Amino acid sequence: MAPLQTQTLSEPIQVELGTSLYPTQNPSTCHGLSRVKTILKSARNIYGLFRQYYATRFPDHDPVKKVTPDDLLDESPGHLANSYYPYRNQSSFLLGEWYWNDGEKKSQSSFQNLVKIVGHPDFRPEDIADQNWRRIDAKLSGDSKEDDGWEDEVSDGDWIRTLVKINVPFHKRMLHRGQKEFDAGILHHRKLVSVIKERISRPAVHPHLHFEPYEFFWQPTDTVEPVRVHGELYTSNAFLETHRELQDSSGEPGCDLPRVVLGLMFASDGTQLTSFSNAKLWPVYLVIGNESKDRRSKPSCHAFEHIAYLETVRKAPYFYPPGFLNLLR
């Protein structure tokens, strides 16, 4: 979608507290305003979409203005120009295609296909002489990183281990009645605040974060009422209301810095540790909801941060915490 073009209105629309710009729209979209008394609307883009802010002025930091055509692509224009990417040229592509598509065990027919490739008039041996085939295979499988490393790489030094303790209640008629504390395992995790600080301060991420929430509308013509568009966390009622409460709250003494809301979204999935056992870990991921879902869903943006690994709980009667059985006697 084309980036929205914002425009500061010469006469911002003023509204009374607790009233709606469009009386017929759902009351749930209205917000009780206290210090923020102005509704600002951006200009409609070619699709009839516009943003509506509850603020005294348009935000200075506008991620929509940072969007370029390259941000909407999974690969750079240089990669697109090479139709054989990740292979450098036709010769290496044909050889790689033969290797992967002609089966694991090469046959007489496969050998004849290879002869056709190397005997073709357009085949150039010098084109395949310096190819890094392992790097190409890694790119094809999606496991590749650039030679110079990613700007967003994080060292393993910020991972910490925390002992998890649980309280187990015992019946009053037992010898050791009441709650007893047991060690339940080790939690491998990172400090949440440090991960957030590191994430939002990255030069490749910060320009794309929405710190000022807004309502998103579709209005194809001036003769129809706008229709609310939902799709991002920072355009939701909950986000707008939380932002309003934060602005109305008493700030830190002597601090005039802007106050913003960060939306934290968590996810987890099981990871098989080995091919010959059922040992699993559950990685926990953090993603910042202030970033557009269009970027969060792109693997190349590396939007998901590892923050913890959860061990699978072993089932009784095969496992008891140390000392547990002694209390049952």
Foldseek 3Di string as FASTA:
>chain_A
DQQFDFDWDPDFDFDDFQADPDNPDDSLVTDGFDPQGTWTKGDADQQQKIWIARHPTDDPQDLSVVDDPQLLDLDGVVQVVAPQPVQDDDLVSQVVCLPPPCDPDHDPVSVVSVCCSCVPPPHDPVSCPPDPVVQRVCVVVVNHDDPVGDLLDDDPPQKDKDWDKDWDADDPPFPDGGTDIFTQDIKIFGDPVVVVVSQCPRPLHVSQFAFGATWMWGDNDPVDDTDTDDDAPSNDSVQNNVQSVVVPDDDDPPDPDDDGDKDKDKDWDWDQPDPPDRFIKIWMWIAIRRGHVSLVVRVVNVRIDTGIIHGDHDDPPVDDTPPPVVRRD
